[in-house]
Amino acid sequence: MKKVLYMLIGAVVLSVSACGGKKSNGEDGTLTVFQDSTDAKGNQRMQASKAEQKFMYKGKEYVSFVSRTPDESLPLVKNESGEKFVDNSISLRLTRGSEMVFSKTFTKNDFASLVGSDFLSKSILEGIVYNKTTSQGIIYAASVCYPQSDLFIPIAITISADGKMAMAKDELLEEIYETDSI
């Protein structure tokens, strides 16, 4: 019983100390750390991050590299409280051996056809991560969100083996449950 109590206390202490940022351990051993910061002008920004992942697709090894950078050249985003946020640009590079399959730097405007203009004006590009491979291609999950909130629009980016890109709005969990309950 004492052992369980100590484990619960340890979990609470760990979760409270983690509130200043987010750490994510990938199944492949990658560690991604997110820590927001504020500059002298009061502009908040997400921490720059880089993630590299190797995986097999159609019998060949691919390497995915994703790099998020707060981008000062993009317009600032202001929330309802008047806080200002620096938007991000995210570079996605996909290679197969020494061959470049896909390379693009995304901003939230690349998703304008999938995200309403009102939401887009109040949001930032939060992240892009490798998700899975399917017969259609290599799937990445992208997130356009209101800064420091749970409001986001998930987007699936599919890259084919020949480097062609397709994007679609991904389903939100609420939509899945609403569909199932009808």
N, C-alpha and C. Protein backbone atom coordinates (compact mmCIF):
# COMPACT_ATOMS: atom_id res chain seq x y z
N MET A 1 0.82 -1.19 0.00
CA MET A 1 0.00 0.00 0.00
C MET A 1 0.86 1.26 0.00
N LYS A 2 1.94 1.25 0.82
CA LYS A 2 2.84 2.40 0.86
C LYS A 2 3.48 2.64 -0.51
N LYS A 3 3.82 1.54 -1.18
CA LYS A 3 4.47 1.65 -2.48
C LYS A 3 3.54 2.36 -3.48
N VAL A 4 2.26 2.01 -3.47
CA VAL A 4 1.28 2.64 -4.35
C VAL A 4 1.14 4.11 -4.02
N LEU A 5 1.12 4.44 -2.72
CA LEU A 5 1.00 5.83 -2.29
C LEU A 5 2.20 6.65 -2.78
N TYR A 6 3.41 6.10 -2.62
CA TYR A 6 4.61 6.81 -3.08
C TYR A 6 4.59 6.99 -4.60
N MET A 7 4.09 6.00 -5.32
CA MET A 7 4.02 6.11 -6.78
C MET A 7 3.04 7.22 -7.17
N LEU A 8 1.89 7.31 -6.48
CA LEU A 8 0.92 8.36 -6.76
C LEU A 8 1.48 9.74 -6.46
N ILE A 9 2.17 9.88 -5.33
CA ILE A 9 2.78 11.16 -4.98
C ILE A 9 3.83 11.54 -6.02
N GLY A 10 4.64 10.58 -6.43
CA GLY A 10 5.65 10.83 -7.46
C GLY A 10 5.03 11.27 -8.77
N ALA A 11 3.91 10.64 -9.14
CA ALA A 11 3.23 11.01 -10.38
C ALA A 11 2.67 12.43 -10.30
N VAL A 12 2.11 12.80 -9.15
CA VAL A 12 1.58 14.14 -8.97
C VAL A 12 2.69 15.17 -9.04
N VAL A 13 3.80 14.92 -8.35
CA VAL A 13 4.94 15.84 -8.38
C VAL A 13 5.47 15.98 -9.79
N LEU A 14 5.59 14.88 -10.50
CA LEU A 14 6.09 14.91 -11.87
C LEU A 14 5.15 15.69 -12.78
N SER A 15 3.84 15.47 -12.65
CA SER A 15 2.91 16.19 -13.52
C SER A 15 2.86 17.67 -13.20
N VAL A 16 2.96 18.05 -11.93
CA VAL A 16 2.97 19.46 -11.56
C VAL A 16 4.23 20.14 -12.07
N SER A 17 5.36 19.48 -11.97
CA SER A 17 6.61 20.09 -12.44
C SER A 17 6.66 20.17 -13.95
N ALA A 18 5.87 19.36 -14.63
CA ALA A 18 5.87 19.38 -16.10
C ALA A 18 4.94 20.43 -16.67
N CYS A 19 4.20 21.14 -15.85
CA CYS A 19 3.21 22.11 -16.36
C CYS A 19 3.85 23.26 -17.12
N GLY A 20 5.10 23.57 -16.90
CA GLY A 20 5.76 24.67 -17.61
C GLY A 20 6.07 24.35 -19.04
N GLY A 21 6.00 23.11 -19.44
CA GLY A 21 6.29 22.71 -20.80
C GLY A 21 5.82 21.30 -21.01
N LYS A 22 6.03 20.79 -22.22
CA LYS A 22 5.59 19.44 -22.53
C LYS A 22 6.79 18.65 -23.03
N LYS A 23 6.89 17.41 -22.56
CA LYS A 23 7.91 16.50 -23.08
C LYS A 23 7.19 15.32 -23.69
N SER A 24 7.67 14.87 -24.81
CA SER A 24 7.05 13.75 -25.48
C SER A 24 8.12 12.75 -25.86
N ASN A 25 8.01 11.54 -25.32
CA ASN A 25 8.93 10.48 -25.69
C ASN A 25 8.29 9.65 -26.78
N GLY A 26 8.93 9.57 -27.94
CA GLY A 26 8.42 8.76 -29.02
C GLY A 26 8.76 7.30 -28.78
N GLU A 27 7.99 6.40 -29.41
CA GLU A 27 8.25 4.97 -29.27
C GLU A 27 9.61 4.60 -29.83
N ASP A 28 10.12 5.41 -30.75
CA ASP A 28 11.41 5.10 -31.36
C ASP A 28 12.57 5.69 -30.58
N GLY A 29 12.30 6.23 -29.39
CA GLY A 29 13.37 6.77 -28.56
C GLY A 29 13.62 8.25 -28.76
N THR A 30 12.87 8.92 -29.66
CA THR A 30 13.07 10.36 -29.84
C THR A 30 12.45 11.11 -28.68
N LEU A 31 13.04 12.20 -28.30
CA LEU A 31 12.53 13.04 -27.23
C LEU A 31 12.28 14.43 -27.80
N THR A 32 11.06 14.90 -27.64
CA THR A 32 10.71 16.23 -28.11
C THR A 32 10.33 17.06 -26.89
N VAL A 33 10.92 18.25 -26.75
CA VAL A 33 10.64 19.10 -25.61
C VAL A 33 10.05 20.40 -26.11
N PHE A 34 8.95 20.83 -25.50
CA PHE A 34 8.31 22.08 -25.85
C PHE A 34 8.31 22.99 -24.64
N GLN A 35 8.80 24.18 -24.77
CA GLN A 35 8.79 25.16 -23.68
C GLN A 35 8.51 26.51 -24.30
N ASP A 36 7.39 27.10 -23.92
CA ASP A 36 7.06 28.43 -24.43
C ASP A 36 7.95 29.46 -23.74
N SER A 37 8.20 30.57 -24.43
CA SER A 37 9.00 31.65 -23.85
C SER A 37 8.38 32.99 -24.26
N THR A 38 8.77 34.02 -23.55
CA THR A 38 8.29 35.37 -23.83
C THR A 38 9.49 36.28 -24.02
N ASP A 39 9.46 37.14 -25.07
CA ASP A 39 10.58 38.04 -25.30
C ASP A 39 10.38 39.37 -24.56
N ALA A 40 11.30 40.29 -24.74
CA ALA A 40 11.26 41.58 -24.04
C ALA A 40 10.03 42.42 -24.43
N LYS A 41 9.48 42.20 -25.63
CA LYS A 41 8.30 42.93 -26.08
C LYS A 41 7.01 42.28 -25.57
N GLY A 42 7.13 41.15 -24.88
CA GLY A 42 5.95 40.44 -24.39
C GLY A 42 5.36 39.46 -25.38
N ASN A 43 6.02 39.28 -26.51
CA ASN A 43 5.55 38.32 -27.51
C ASN A 43 5.92 36.91 -27.07
N GLN A 44 4.92 36.02 -27.07
CA GLN A 44 5.17 34.64 -26.67
C GLN A 44 5.46 33.80 -27.90
N ARG A 45 6.31 32.81 -27.71
CA ARG A 45 6.67 31.92 -28.82
C ARG A 45 6.90 30.52 -28.31
N MET A 46 6.65 29.57 -29.19
CA MET A 46 6.94 28.18 -28.87
C MET A 46 8.43 27.95 -29.07
N GLN A 47 8.94 26.98 -28.38
CA GLN A 47 10.35 26.62 -28.51
C GLN A 47 10.59 26.00 -29.89
N ALA A 48 11.72 26.30 -30.48
CA ALA A 48 12.10 25.64 -31.72
C ALA A 48 12.29 24.16 -31.43
N SER A 49 11.97 23.31 -32.39
CA SER A 49 12.14 21.87 -32.18
C SER A 49 12.55 21.20 -33.48
N LYS A 50 13.20 20.07 -33.33
CA LYS A 50 13.62 19.26 -34.47
C LYS A 50 13.36 17.80 -34.13
N ALA A 51 12.88 17.05 -35.11
CA ALA A 51 12.64 15.63 -34.92
C ALA A 51 13.02 14.89 -36.20
N GLU A 52 13.76 13.82 -36.02
CA GLU A 52 14.16 12.98 -37.15
C GLU A 52 13.67 11.58 -36.87
N GLN A 53 13.12 10.93 -37.89
CA GLN A 53 12.59 9.59 -37.70
C GLN A 53 12.87 8.76 -38.94
N LYS A 54 13.29 7.51 -38.71
CA LYS A 54 13.51 6.56 -39.80
C LYS A 54 12.39 5.53 -39.78
N PHE A 55 11.94 5.15 -40.97
CA PHE A 55 10.90 4.13 -41.07
C PHE A 55 10.98 3.47 -42.44
N MET A 56 10.35 2.31 -42.56
CA MET A 56 10.31 1.58 -43.82
C MET A 56 8.98 1.84 -44.51
N TYR A 57 9.04 2.02 -45.82
CA TYR A 57 7.83 2.19 -46.63
C TYR A 57 8.06 1.51 -47.97
N LYS A 58 7.21 0.57 -48.28
CA LYS A 58 7.30 -0.22 -49.52
C LYS A 58 8.70 -0.82 -49.69
N GLY A 59 9.24 -1.34 -48.59
CA GLY A 59 10.51 -2.05 -48.62
C GLY A 59 11.75 -1.17 -48.67
N LYS A 60 11.59 0.14 -48.55
CA LYS A 60 12.74 1.05 -48.58
C LYS A 60 12.76 1.90 -47.33
N GLU A 61 13.98 2.27 -46.90
CA GLU A 61 14.10 3.09 -45.70
C GLU A 61 13.97 4.57 -46.06
N TYR A 62 13.15 5.27 -45.30
CA TYR A 62 12.94 6.70 -45.44
C TYR A 62 13.41 7.39 -44.16
N VAL A 63 13.83 8.64 -44.31
CA VAL A 63 14.18 9.47 -43.15
C VAL A 63 13.33 10.73 -43.25
N SER A 64 12.62 11.00 -42.17
CA SER A 64 11.77 12.19 -42.08
C SER A 64 12.42 13.16 -41.11
N PHE A 65 12.52 14.41 -41.52
CA PHE A 65 13.08 15.45 -40.66
C PHE A 65 12.08 16.61 -40.62
N VAL A 66 11.65 16.97 -39.40
CA VAL A 66 10.70 18.06 -39.20
C VAL A 66 11.33 19.07 -38.26
N SER A 67 11.31 20.34 -38.65
CA SER A 67 11.91 21.41 -37.85
C SER A 67 10.92 22.56 -37.71
N ARG A 68 10.56 22.88 -36.45
CA ARG A 68 9.66 24.02 -36.19
C ARG A 68 10.48 25.19 -35.67
N THR A 69 10.21 26.39 -36.24
CA THR A 69 10.93 27.60 -35.85
C THR A 69 9.93 28.73 -35.67
N PRO A 70 9.98 29.44 -34.54
CA PRO A 70 9.18 30.66 -34.43
C PRO A 70 9.66 31.63 -35.52
N ASP A 71 8.73 32.16 -36.29
CA ASP A 71 9.09 32.93 -37.48
C ASP A 71 8.69 34.39 -37.30
N GLU A 72 9.67 35.25 -37.03
CA GLU A 72 9.43 36.68 -36.81
C GLU A 72 8.91 37.40 -38.05
N SER A 73 9.07 36.80 -39.24
CA SER A 73 8.61 37.45 -40.46
C SER A 73 7.10 37.28 -40.66
N LEU A 74 6.47 36.39 -39.91
CA LEU A 74 5.03 36.19 -40.01
C LEU A 74 4.29 37.18 -39.11
N PRO A 75 3.05 37.52 -39.45
CA PRO A 75 2.29 38.44 -38.59
C PRO A 75 2.07 37.83 -37.20
N LEU A 76 2.09 38.69 -36.18
CA LEU A 76 1.81 38.24 -34.82
C LEU A 76 0.34 37.86 -34.71
N VAL A 77 0.04 36.93 -33.81
CA VAL A 77 -1.33 36.51 -33.54
C VAL A 77 -1.69 37.01 -32.15
N LYS A 78 -2.86 37.64 -32.04
CA LYS A 78 -3.30 38.16 -30.74
C LYS A 78 -4.53 37.38 -30.28
N ASN A 79 -4.51 36.94 -28.99
CA ASN A 79 -5.68 36.24 -28.46
C ASN A 79 -6.66 37.23 -27.86
N GLU A 80 -7.77 36.73 -27.30
CA GLU A 80 -8.82 37.58 -26.75
C GLU A 80 -8.34 38.41 -25.57
N SER A 81 -7.29 37.94 -24.86
CA SER A 81 -6.75 38.67 -23.71
C SER A 81 -5.73 39.73 -24.12
N GLY A 82 -5.45 39.81 -25.41
CA GLY A 82 -4.48 40.78 -25.90
C GLY A 82 -3.04 40.29 -25.92
N GLU A 83 -2.82 39.02 -25.51
CA GLU A 83 -1.46 38.47 -25.55
C GLU A 83 -1.07 38.25 -27.01
N LYS A 84 0.21 38.50 -27.31
CA LYS A 84 0.71 38.35 -28.68
C LYS A 84 1.59 37.12 -28.79
N PHE A 85 1.45 36.42 -29.92
CA PHE A 85 2.17 35.18 -30.15
C PHE A 85 2.88 35.22 -31.49
N VAL A 86 4.10 34.73 -31.52
CA VAL A 86 4.86 34.59 -32.75
C VAL A 86 4.42 33.28 -33.41
N ASP A 87 4.05 33.34 -34.68
CA ASP A 87 3.64 32.15 -35.42
C ASP A 87 4.88 31.33 -35.80
N ASN A 88 4.65 30.10 -36.22
CA ASN A 88 5.75 29.19 -36.57
C ASN A 88 5.77 28.88 -38.05
N SER A 89 6.95 28.57 -38.55
CA SER A 89 7.08 27.93 -39.85
C SER A 89 7.70 26.56 -39.56
N ILE A 90 7.27 25.58 -40.34
CA ILE A 90 7.73 24.21 -40.11
C ILE A 90 8.24 23.63 -41.41
N SER A 91 9.50 23.18 -41.38
CA SER A 91 10.11 22.56 -42.56
C SER A 91 9.98 21.05 -42.45
N LEU A 92 9.54 20.43 -43.53
CA LEU A 92 9.41 18.98 -43.61
C LEU A 92 10.27 18.51 -44.77
N ARG A 93 11.17 17.60 -44.45
CA ARG A 93 12.07 17.04 -45.48
C ARG A 93 11.98 15.52 -45.38
N LEU A 94 11.79 14.86 -46.51
CA LEU A 94 11.67 13.41 -46.57
C LEU A 94 12.65 12.88 -47.60
N THR A 95 13.53 11.97 -47.15
CA THR A 95 14.51 11.39 -48.06
C THR A 95 14.38 9.87 -48.08
N ARG A 96 14.83 9.30 -49.21
CA ARG A 96 14.91 7.85 -49.40
C ARG A 96 16.33 7.60 -49.87
N GLY A 97 17.17 7.11 -48.95
CA GLY A 97 18.59 7.00 -49.27
C GLY A 97 19.15 8.40 -49.45
N SER A 98 19.84 8.65 -50.57
CA SER A 98 20.38 9.99 -50.83
C SER A 98 19.41 10.83 -51.68
N GLU A 99 18.26 10.26 -52.02
CA GLU A 99 17.28 10.95 -52.87
C GLU A 99 16.30 11.79 -52.03
N MET A 100 16.15 13.05 -52.41
CA MET A 100 15.17 13.92 -51.77
C MET A 100 13.80 13.60 -52.37
N VAL A 101 12.88 13.14 -51.54
CA VAL A 101 11.54 12.80 -51.99
C VAL A 101 10.61 14.01 -51.89
N PHE A 102 10.75 14.78 -50.79
CA PHE A 102 9.86 15.91 -50.55
C PHE A 102 10.56 16.91 -49.64
N SER A 103 10.37 18.19 -49.92
CA SER A 103 10.92 19.24 -49.07
C SER A 103 10.04 20.48 -49.20
N LYS A 104 9.53 20.95 -48.06
CA LYS A 104 8.67 22.13 -48.08
C LYS A 104 8.69 22.77 -46.70
N THR A 105 8.62 24.09 -46.68
CA THR A 105 8.45 24.83 -45.44
C THR A 105 7.01 25.33 -45.41
N PHE A 106 6.28 24.92 -44.37
CA PHE A 106 4.86 25.25 -44.22
C PHE A 106 4.67 26.43 -43.28
N THR A 107 3.64 27.22 -43.57
CA THR A 107 3.10 28.20 -42.63
C THR A 107 1.61 27.88 -42.54
N LYS A 108 0.92 28.50 -41.60
CA LYS A 108 -0.51 28.20 -41.46
C LYS A 108 -1.29 28.54 -42.73
N ASN A 109 -0.80 29.50 -43.52
CA ASN A 109 -1.50 29.88 -44.75
C ASN A 109 -1.53 28.76 -45.79
N ASP A 110 -0.63 27.80 -45.67
CA ASP A 110 -0.66 26.64 -46.57
C ASP A 110 -1.91 25.80 -46.35
N PHE A 111 -2.58 26.00 -45.21
CA PHE A 111 -3.76 25.22 -44.86
C PHE A 111 -5.04 26.06 -44.98
N ALA A 112 -4.96 27.22 -45.60
CA ALA A 112 -6.10 28.15 -45.70
C ALA A 112 -7.31 27.50 -46.37
N SER A 113 -7.10 26.61 -47.31
CA SER A 113 -8.23 25.97 -47.99
C SER A 113 -8.97 24.99 -47.08
N LEU A 114 -8.36 24.59 -45.97
CA LEU A 114 -8.96 23.62 -45.05
C LEU A 114 -9.44 24.25 -43.75
N VAL A 115 -8.96 25.47 -43.46
CA VAL A 115 -9.26 26.15 -42.20
C VAL A 115 -9.99 27.44 -42.52
N GLY A 116 -11.07 27.73 -41.83
CA GLY A 116 -11.81 28.97 -42.06
C GLY A 116 -10.95 30.19 -41.80
N SER A 117 -11.21 31.28 -42.54
CA SER A 117 -10.38 32.48 -42.43
C SER A 117 -10.44 33.11 -41.04
N ASP A 118 -11.59 33.04 -40.36
CA ASP A 118 -11.71 33.59 -39.01
C ASP A 118 -10.82 32.82 -38.04
N PHE A 119 -10.87 31.48 -38.12
CA PHE A 119 -10.03 30.64 -37.26
C PHE A 119 -8.55 30.87 -37.59
N LEU A 120 -8.25 30.93 -38.88
CA LEU A 120 -6.87 31.10 -39.32
C LEU A 120 -6.26 32.40 -38.80
N SER A 121 -7.04 33.47 -38.75
CA SER A 121 -6.51 34.76 -38.31
C SER A 121 -6.15 34.78 -36.83
N LYS A 122 -6.72 33.88 -36.04
CA LYS A 122 -6.47 33.84 -34.60
C LYS A 122 -5.62 32.65 -34.18
N SER A 123 -5.05 31.95 -35.14
CA SER A 123 -4.34 30.71 -34.83
C SER A 123 -2.88 30.75 -35.25
N ILE A 124 -2.16 29.73 -34.80
CA ILE A 124 -0.76 29.53 -35.20
C ILE A 124 -0.61 28.11 -35.72
N LEU A 125 0.44 27.86 -36.47
CA LEU A 125 0.80 26.51 -36.89
C LEU A 125 1.58 25.90 -35.73
N GLU A 126 0.97 24.95 -35.04
CA GLU A 126 1.57 24.39 -33.84
C GLU A 126 2.59 23.30 -34.14
N GLY A 127 2.26 22.38 -35.03
CA GLY A 127 3.20 21.30 -35.26
C GLY A 127 2.83 20.44 -36.44
N ILE A 128 3.83 19.66 -36.88
CA ILE A 128 3.67 18.62 -37.88
C ILE A 128 4.49 17.44 -37.38
N VAL A 129 3.87 16.26 -37.34
CA VAL A 129 4.58 15.07 -36.89
C VAL A 129 4.29 13.91 -37.82
N TYR A 130 5.27 13.02 -37.96
CA TYR A 130 5.05 11.78 -38.70
C TYR A 130 4.00 10.97 -37.96
N ASN A 131 3.03 10.40 -38.68
CA ASN A 131 1.97 9.63 -38.06
C ASN A 131 2.08 8.15 -38.41
N LYS A 132 2.01 7.82 -39.72
CA LYS A 132 2.01 6.41 -40.13
C LYS A 132 2.20 6.32 -41.63
N THR A 133 2.32 5.09 -42.11
CA THR A 133 2.34 4.86 -43.55
C THR A 133 1.09 4.05 -43.91
N THR A 134 0.56 4.33 -45.09
CA THR A 134 -0.59 3.60 -45.62
C THR A 134 -0.30 3.29 -47.08
N SER A 135 -1.21 2.60 -47.72
CA SER A 135 -1.01 2.31 -49.14
C SER A 135 -1.01 3.59 -49.98
N GLN A 136 -1.65 4.66 -49.47
CA GLN A 136 -1.68 5.93 -50.19
C GLN A 136 -0.39 6.71 -50.04
N GLY A 137 0.34 6.51 -48.95
CA GLY A 137 1.58 7.24 -48.76
C GLY A 137 1.96 7.38 -47.30
N ILE A 138 2.83 8.33 -47.06
CA ILE A 138 3.35 8.61 -45.73
C ILE A 138 2.49 9.73 -45.14
N ILE A 139 1.91 9.47 -43.98
CA ILE A 139 0.94 10.40 -43.40
C ILE A 139 1.59 11.18 -42.26
N TYR A 140 1.41 12.49 -42.32
CA TYR A 140 1.83 13.40 -41.24
C TYR A 140 0.58 14.04 -40.66
N ALA A 141 0.63 14.32 -39.37
CA ALA A 141 -0.46 15.03 -38.70
C ALA A 141 0.01 16.46 -38.46
N ALA A 142 -0.79 17.42 -38.90
CA ALA A 142 -0.49 18.83 -38.69
C ALA A 142 -1.58 19.42 -37.82
N SER A 143 -1.21 20.46 -37.06
CA SER A 143 -2.17 21.09 -36.16
C SER A 143 -2.08 22.61 -36.28
N VAL A 144 -3.21 23.22 -36.62
CA VAL A 144 -3.36 24.68 -36.61
C VAL A 144 -4.25 24.96 -35.41
N CYS A 145 -3.76 25.79 -34.46
CA CYS A 145 -4.49 25.94 -33.19
C CYS A 145 -4.51 27.38 -32.70
N TYR A 146 -5.46 27.65 -31.79
CA TYR A 146 -5.41 28.88 -31.03
C TYR A 146 -4.26 28.72 -30.05
N PRO A 147 -3.39 29.71 -29.90
CA PRO A 147 -2.23 29.57 -29.01
C PRO A 147 -2.65 29.24 -27.58
N GLN A 148 -1.91 28.35 -26.98
CA GLN A 148 -2.09 27.94 -25.58
C GLN A 148 -3.52 27.55 -25.26
N SER A 149 -4.14 26.80 -26.17
CA SER A 149 -5.50 26.33 -25.93
C SER A 149 -5.65 24.93 -26.51
N ASP A 150 -6.81 24.34 -26.25
CA ASP A 150 -7.12 23.03 -26.81
C ASP A 150 -7.91 23.13 -28.11
N LEU A 151 -8.14 24.34 -28.60
CA LEU A 151 -8.88 24.53 -29.85
C LEU A 151 -7.92 24.40 -31.03
N PHE A 152 -8.15 23.38 -31.86
CA PHE A 152 -7.26 23.17 -33.00
C PHE A 152 -8.02 22.48 -34.12
N ILE A 153 -7.43 22.54 -35.30
CA ILE A 153 -7.95 21.82 -36.45
C ILE A 153 -6.85 20.86 -36.90
N PRO A 154 -7.14 19.55 -36.81
CA PRO A 154 -6.15 18.56 -37.24
C PRO A 154 -6.20 18.38 -38.76
N ILE A 155 -5.03 18.27 -39.35
CA ILE A 155 -4.92 18.14 -40.80
C ILE A 155 -3.99 16.97 -41.11
N ALA A 156 -4.39 16.14 -42.06
CA ALA A 156 -3.56 15.02 -42.50
C ALA A 156 -2.86 15.43 -43.79
N ILE A 157 -1.53 15.28 -43.79
CA ILE A 157 -0.72 15.54 -44.98
C ILE A 157 -0.22 14.19 -45.46
N THR A 158 -0.52 13.86 -46.71
CA THR A 158 -0.08 12.59 -47.28
C THR A 158 0.97 12.87 -48.35
N ILE A 159 2.12 12.21 -48.22
CA ILE A 159 3.20 12.33 -49.21
C ILE A 159 3.32 10.97 -49.89
N SER A 160 3.16 10.94 -51.21
CA SER A 160 3.29 9.68 -51.95
C SER A 160 4.76 9.33 -52.15
N ALA A 161 5.02 8.12 -52.58
CA ALA A 161 6.40 7.65 -52.79
C ALA A 161 7.13 8.49 -53.84
N ASP A 162 6.38 9.12 -54.76
CA ASP A 162 7.02 9.97 -55.77
C ASP A 162 7.02 11.45 -55.38
N GLY A 163 6.68 11.76 -54.10
CA GLY A 163 6.82 13.12 -53.59
C GLY A 163 5.63 14.03 -53.79
N LYS A 164 4.49 13.50 -54.24
CA LYS A 164 3.30 14.34 -54.40
C LYS A 164 2.60 14.48 -53.04
N MET A 165 2.07 15.68 -52.79
CA MET A 165 1.44 15.97 -51.51
C MET A 165 -0.06 16.16 -51.68
N ALA A 166 -0.81 15.64 -50.70
CA ALA A 166 -2.26 15.88 -50.61
C ALA A 166 -2.56 16.22 -49.16
N MET A 167 -3.54 17.10 -48.95
CA MET A 167 -3.92 17.49 -47.59
C MET A 167 -5.43 17.35 -47.44
N ALA A 168 -5.85 16.99 -46.22
CA ALA A 168 -7.27 16.89 -45.90
C ALA A 168 -7.47 17.19 -44.43
N LYS A 169 -8.61 17.80 -44.13
CA LYS A 169 -8.95 18.03 -42.73
C LYS A 169 -9.18 16.66 -42.10
N ASP A 170 -8.54 16.43 -40.96
CA ASP A 170 -8.68 15.17 -40.26
C ASP A 170 -9.90 15.26 -39.35
N GLU A 171 -10.45 14.12 -38.98
CA GLU A 171 -11.63 14.12 -38.11
C GLU A 171 -11.22 14.41 -36.68
N LEU A 172 -12.03 15.21 -35.99
CA LEU A 172 -11.84 15.43 -34.57
C LEU A 172 -12.52 14.29 -33.82
N LEU A 173 -12.03 13.98 -32.63
CA LEU A 173 -12.62 12.91 -31.85
C LEU A 173 -14.10 13.14 -31.60
N GLU A 174 -14.50 14.41 -31.34
CA GLU A 174 -15.91 14.69 -31.08
C GLU A 174 -16.76 14.31 -32.28
N GLU A 175 -16.25 14.60 -33.49
CA GLU A 175 -17.00 14.27 -34.70
C GLU A 175 -17.17 12.77 -34.84
N ILE A 176 -16.15 12.01 -34.49
CA ILE A 176 -16.23 10.55 -34.57
C ILE A 176 -17.29 10.06 -33.60
N TYR A 177 -17.27 10.55 -32.36
CA TYR A 177 -18.24 10.11 -31.37
C TYR A 177 -19.64 10.55 -31.72
N GLU A 178 -19.81 11.76 -32.26
CA GLU A 178 -21.13 12.23 -32.65
C GLU A 178 -21.68 11.36 -33.78
N THR A 179 -20.85 10.98 -34.74
CA THR A 179 -21.26 10.13 -35.84
C THR A 179 -21.66 8.76 -35.32
N ASP A 180 -20.88 8.21 -34.40
CA ASP A 180 -21.16 6.89 -33.85
C ASP A 180 -22.45 6.85 -33.04
N SER A 181 -22.80 7.95 -32.38
CA SER A 181 -23.96 7.95 -31.51
C SER A 181 -25.27 8.22 -32.24
N ILE A 182 -25.20 8.59 -33.49
CA ILE A 182 -26.43 8.90 -34.25
C ILE A 182 -27.03 7.63 -34.80
